[in-house]
Amino acid sequence: MSATHSQPPLPGDIALPERWLRIGVTGPTDIDADQVRPRLRALFERFEQAGGGRKLALISCLAAGADQVAARAALGCPDNIVWAVLPGSLEAYRAGQAPAARAELDEILAHPQTRVRYELGLPLPADEADHQAATSQRRQDAYSHANTVMLSNADVLVALLRCGEPGSRAGSAATAARALAAGLPLIVLNTEDEHDAGRWQKGLRPEELYRLLRQRGPCWEGQGVGATRAPQEWLPELLEYLEGAPA
């Protein structure tokens, strides 16, 4: 069963039964899907294995690139679900996508494990060229609001990041910084390192995140911040933290 809200949902409005883990996702549109998808799938599987029966709900705007790749990775397990938070109406959102991304959006939305679609109804640029323009204020506003809804309803944010990430307020680096500022656990997957299995950036401050991303070379090596251990080592600690976090 699916539902569509014409008004932006309030924080906490995306309700799930107990034992579900709500994962938000952010990342760039131009990623190597074949390289990133298996790493995300492995990360999600580790969550399931360590979670003591928890199922995963991916909350995503389903934008081209990281959002759609993460949705495919989550849908690879029949117990997981996807909850789509679209910045505008479906018609306007589809019109702003390139043909390949539009087709992928349609397939994900039609998937039986995509349970709920929230259409925020915010004004979007009228066509693909305007939609993709970096100077589009409407696009910035719509995506920023959609990211707010995602962060307000997530237990954890998985951010696919790389050095030199653009600094727009609706971009993936800004979304990750907002998660840190709100106290939301942040897991970073370095898109430039095919061996990176994901790291919980425990204790990282927003300004440190921006400093790391401005660096040349590997962002996360030898910085003394965040979790450098393998996911199977830090996941139990993260899940224990989430169990004790206030609702």
Protein backbone atom coordinates (compact mmCIF):
# COMPACT_ATOMS: atom_id res chain seq x y z
CA MET A 1 0.00 0.00 0.00
CA SER A 2 1.29 3.47 -0.80
CA ALA A 3 0.37 6.95 0.33
CA THR A 4 0.98 10.40 -1.06
CA HIS A 5 1.05 13.55 1.05
CA SER A 6 0.41 16.86 -0.69
CA GLN A 7 1.89 18.74 2.27
CA PRO A 8 5.42 18.29 3.65
CA PRO A 9 5.33 15.70 6.45
CA LEU A 10 6.33 16.91 9.88
CA PRO A 11 9.50 15.51 11.51
CA GLY A 12 8.76 11.98 12.65
CA ASP A 13 5.77 11.63 10.33
CA ILE A 14 7.26 8.60 8.55
CA ALA A 15 6.25 5.97 11.09
CA LEU A 16 7.55 2.41 11.01
CA PRO A 17 6.94 -0.57 13.28
CA GLU A 18 9.53 -1.33 15.94
CA ARG A 19 12.68 -3.17 14.89
CA TRP A 20 12.99 -1.24 11.64
CA LEU A 21 16.16 0.79 11.05
CA ARG A 22 15.55 3.94 9.01
CA ILE A 23 18.55 4.85 6.85
CA GLY A 24 18.84 8.13 4.95
CA VAL A 25 21.23 8.46 2.03
CA THR A 26 23.00 11.32 0.27
CA GLY A 27 25.69 11.49 -2.36
CA PRO A 28 26.70 12.90 -5.76
CA THR A 29 24.85 12.24 -8.99
CA ASP A 30 27.97 11.25 -10.95
CA ILE A 31 29.18 8.09 -9.25
CA ASP A 32 30.39 4.74 -10.56
CA ALA A 33 27.31 2.65 -9.85
CA ASP A 34 29.05 -0.67 -10.51
CA GLN A 35 31.77 0.18 -8.00
CA VAL A 36 29.54 1.65 -5.29
CA ARG A 37 26.45 -0.61 -5.40
CA PRO A 38 28.14 -3.78 -4.06
CA ARG A 39 29.75 -1.81 -1.22
CA LEU A 40 26.40 -0.37 -0.22
CA ARG A 41 24.77 -3.79 -0.48
CA ALA A 42 27.47 -5.25 1.78
CA LEU A 43 27.01 -2.42 4.28
CA PHE A 44 23.24 -2.92 4.38
CA GLU A 45 23.71 -6.67 4.81
CA ARG A 46 26.02 -6.06 7.77
CA PHE A 47 23.34 -3.86 9.33
CA GLU A 48 20.86 -6.70 8.94
CA GLN A 49 23.26 -9.29 10.38
CA ALA A 50 24.22 -7.15 13.37
CA GLY A 51 20.75 -5.75 13.98
CA GLY A 52 19.18 -8.69 15.75
CA GLY A 53 16.23 -8.97 13.40
CA ARG A 54 15.99 -5.32 12.41
CA LYS A 55 14.77 -4.69 8.87
CA LEU A 56 15.95 -1.73 6.82
CA ALA A 57 13.89 1.15 5.46
CA LEU A 58 15.84 3.38 3.09
CA ILE A 59 14.53 6.96 3.02
CA SER A 60 15.62 8.61 -0.21
CA CYS A 61 14.84 11.41 -2.65
CA LEU A 62 15.67 8.95 -5.46
CA ALA A 63 17.76 11.52 -7.32
CA ALA A 64 20.07 10.33 -10.07
CA GLY A 65 23.33 8.78 -8.89
CA ALA A 66 23.85 7.88 -5.24
CA ASP A 67 20.17 7.93 -4.25
CA GLN A 68 19.08 5.54 -6.97
CA VAL A 69 22.13 3.28 -6.56
CA ALA A 70 21.47 3.02 -2.81
CA ALA A 71 17.81 2.21 -3.46
CA ARG A 72 18.79 -0.62 -5.78
CA ALA A 73 21.24 -1.93 -3.18
CA ALA A 74 18.55 -1.87 -0.48
CA LEU A 75 15.96 -3.52 -2.73
CA GLY A 76 18.38 -6.39 -3.27
CA CYS A 77 17.13 -7.86 0.00
CA PRO A 78 13.44 -8.88 -0.06
CA ASP A 79 12.89 -7.75 3.54
CA ASN A 80 13.99 -4.15 2.97
CA ILE A 81 11.73 -1.32 1.86
CA VAL A 82 12.23 2.08 0.25
CA TRP A 83 10.35 5.22 1.26
CA ALA A 84 10.63 7.92 -1.40
CA VAL A 85 10.61 11.61 -0.47
CA LEU A 86 10.26 13.57 -3.71
CA PRO A 87 10.98 17.31 -3.63
CA GLY A 88 8.10 18.17 -5.96
CA SER A 89 5.21 16.42 -7.59
CA LEU A 90 6.10 13.20 -9.38
CA GLU A 91 5.28 14.79 -12.75
CA ALA A 92 7.56 17.78 -12.15
CA TYR A 93 10.30 15.63 -10.64
CA ARG A 94 10.29 13.23 -13.59
CA ALA A 95 10.41 16.13 -16.06
CA GLY A 96 13.63 17.35 -14.48
CA GLN A 97 15.47 14.03 -14.82
CA ALA A 98 17.65 12.88 -17.68
CA PRO A 99 16.08 9.96 -19.61
CA ALA A 100 18.15 7.22 -17.93
CA ALA A 101 17.54 8.59 -14.43
CA ARG A 102 13.83 9.04 -15.23
CA ALA A 103 13.54 5.39 -16.30
CA GLU A 104 15.35 4.25 -13.15
CA LEU A 105 13.09 6.45 -10.99
CA ASP A 106 10.01 4.88 -12.58
CA GLU A 107 11.30 1.35 -12.01
CA ILE A 108 12.16 1.98 -8.37
CA LEU A 109 8.81 3.62 -7.67
CA ALA A 110 7.02 0.68 -9.30
CA HIS A 111 8.95 -1.87 -7.25
CA PRO A 112 6.73 -3.73 -4.76
CA GLN A 113 9.20 -2.98 -1.94
CA THR A 114 8.82 0.78 -2.48
CA ARG A 115 6.02 1.19 0.03
CA VAL A 116 5.37 4.91 0.41
CA ARG A 117 5.84 7.93 -1.83
CA TYR A 118 5.79 11.42 -0.32
CA GLU A 119 5.41 14.21 -2.86
CA LEU A 120 6.29 17.48 -1.14
CA GLY A 121 4.73 19.50 -3.95
CA LEU A 122 7.44 22.18 -3.89
CA PRO A 123 8.01 24.23 -7.07
CA LEU A 124 10.70 22.76 -9.31
CA PRO A 125 12.36 24.16 -12.45
CA ALA A 126 10.25 23.75 -15.55
CA ASP A 127 12.58 21.59 -17.65
CA GLU A 128 15.66 19.41 -17.45
CA ALA A 129 18.14 22.15 -18.40
CA ASP A 130 16.82 24.53 -15.75
CA HIS A 131 16.49 21.70 -13.24
CA GLN A 132 20.18 20.86 -13.53
CA ALA A 133 21.47 24.43 -13.50
CA ALA A 134 23.66 25.11 -10.49
CA THR A 135 22.13 28.58 -10.11
CA SER A 136 18.55 27.33 -9.85
CA GLN A 137 17.24 28.72 -6.55
CA ARG A 138 14.04 26.69 -6.77
CA ARG A 139 16.00 23.48 -7.16
CA GLN A 140 18.16 24.34 -4.14
CA ASP A 141 15.12 25.13 -2.02
CA ALA A 142 13.23 21.99 -3.02
CA TYR A 143 16.12 19.60 -2.44
CA SER A 144 17.11 21.29 0.81
CA HIS A 145 13.58 20.84 2.15
CA ALA A 146 13.42 17.21 0.98
CA ASN A 147 16.73 16.57 2.75
CA THR A 148 15.27 18.11 5.92
CA VAL A 149 12.37 15.66 5.78
CA MET A 150 14.76 12.75 5.19
CA LEU A 151 17.04 13.71 8.09
CA SER A 152 14.09 14.29 10.41
CA ASN A 153 12.88 10.75 9.84
CA ALA A 154 16.16 8.81 9.68
CA ASP A 155 18.03 6.96 12.43
CA VAL A 156 21.31 7.02 10.49
CA LEU A 157 22.64 8.87 7.43
CA VAL A 158 24.87 7.10 4.91
CA ALA A 159 26.83 9.71 2.93
CA LEU A 160 28.77 8.90 -0.21
CA LEU A 161 31.42 11.60 -0.26
CA ARG A 162 34.66 12.52 -2.01
CA CYS A 163 37.24 15.27 -1.81
CA GLY A 164 36.27 18.48 -3.54
CA GLU A 165 32.55 17.98 -2.89
CA PRO A 166 30.52 21.02 -4.08
CA GLY A 167 29.44 23.32 -1.30
CA SER A 168 25.78 23.98 -2.11
CA ARG A 169 23.39 23.90 0.82
CA ALA A 170 21.43 21.08 -0.82
CA GLY A 171 24.56 19.08 -1.72
CA SER A 172 25.67 15.84 -0.11
CA ALA A 173 28.44 17.45 1.97
CA ALA A 174 26.01 20.01 3.37
CA THR A 175 23.46 17.29 4.12
CA ALA A 176 26.10 15.26 5.94
CA ALA A 177 27.13 18.34 7.94
CA ARG A 178 23.49 18.95 8.90
CA ALA A 179 23.24 15.36 10.13
CA LEU A 180 26.30 15.85 12.33
CA ALA A 181 24.95 19.13 13.69
CA ALA A 182 21.67 17.40 14.59
CA GLY A 183 23.44 14.53 16.36
CA LEU A 184 22.44 11.98 13.72
CA PRO A 185 24.99 9.16 13.31
CA LEU A 186 26.89 9.62 10.05
CA ILE A 187 28.43 6.80 8.06
CA VAL A 188 30.77 7.95 5.28
CA LEU A 189 31.54 5.83 2.25
CA ASN A 190 34.44 7.23 0.23
CA THR A 191 33.43 7.05 -3.43
CA GLU A 192 37.08 7.35 -4.49
CA ASP A 193 38.26 4.27 -2.55
CA GLU A 194 36.84 0.99 -3.81
CA HIS A 195 38.08 -0.76 -0.66
CA ASP A 196 36.29 1.56 1.77
CA ALA A 197 33.49 -0.43 3.45
CA GLY A 198 32.05 2.58 5.30
CA ARG A 199 32.99 4.36 8.53
CA TRP A 200 30.93 5.69 11.40
CA GLN A 201 32.25 9.22 11.87
CA LYS A 202 31.68 9.23 15.61
CA GLY A 203 32.47 12.56 17.23
CA LEU A 204 33.16 14.37 13.97
CA ARG A 205 32.05 18.01 13.93
CA PRO A 206 30.55 19.72 10.86
CA GLU A 207 33.51 22.06 10.47
CA GLU A 208 35.89 19.08 10.55
CA LEU A 209 33.91 17.40 7.79
CA TYR A 210 34.29 20.44 5.54
CA ARG A 211 37.99 20.68 6.38
CA LEU A 212 38.55 17.05 5.39
CA LEU A 213 36.65 17.44 2.13
CA ARG A 214 38.71 20.49 1.15
CA GLN A 215 41.93 18.48 1.34
CA ARG A 216 43.75 17.10 -1.65
CA GLY A 217 44.38 13.39 -1.69
CA PRO A 218 42.60 10.85 0.54
CA CYS A 219 40.17 12.66 2.82
CA TRP A 220 39.84 10.17 5.62
CA GLU A 221 43.26 8.60 6.08
CA GLY A 222 45.29 9.34 9.21
CA GLN A 223 43.02 12.12 10.45
CA GLY A 224 42.37 10.72 13.92
CA VAL A 225 38.63 11.39 13.67
CA GLY A 226 35.74 9.02 13.22
CA ALA A 227 35.81 5.26 13.20
CA THR A 228 38.63 3.68 11.20
CA ARG A 229 37.62 0.13 12.14
CA ALA A 230 35.80 -2.27 9.86
CA PRO A 231 31.98 -2.13 9.95
CA GLN A 232 31.65 -5.44 11.79
CA GLU A 233 33.62 -3.84 14.64
CA TRP A 234 31.72 -0.56 14.96
CA LEU A 235 28.21 -1.68 13.97
CA PRO A 236 27.33 -3.29 17.34
CA GLU A 237 28.37 -0.09 19.11
CA LEU A 238 26.27 2.01 16.74
CA LEU A 239 23.19 -0.19 17.17
CA GLU A 240 23.60 -0.09 20.93
CA TYR A 241 23.78 3.69 20.70
CA LEU A 242 20.59 3.78 18.64
CA GLU A 243 18.77 1.56 21.15
CA GLY A 244 19.50 4.10 23.88
CA ALA A 245 18.80 7.22 21.78
CA PRO A 246 15.65 9.18 22.67
CA ALA A 247 12.72 8.70 20.32
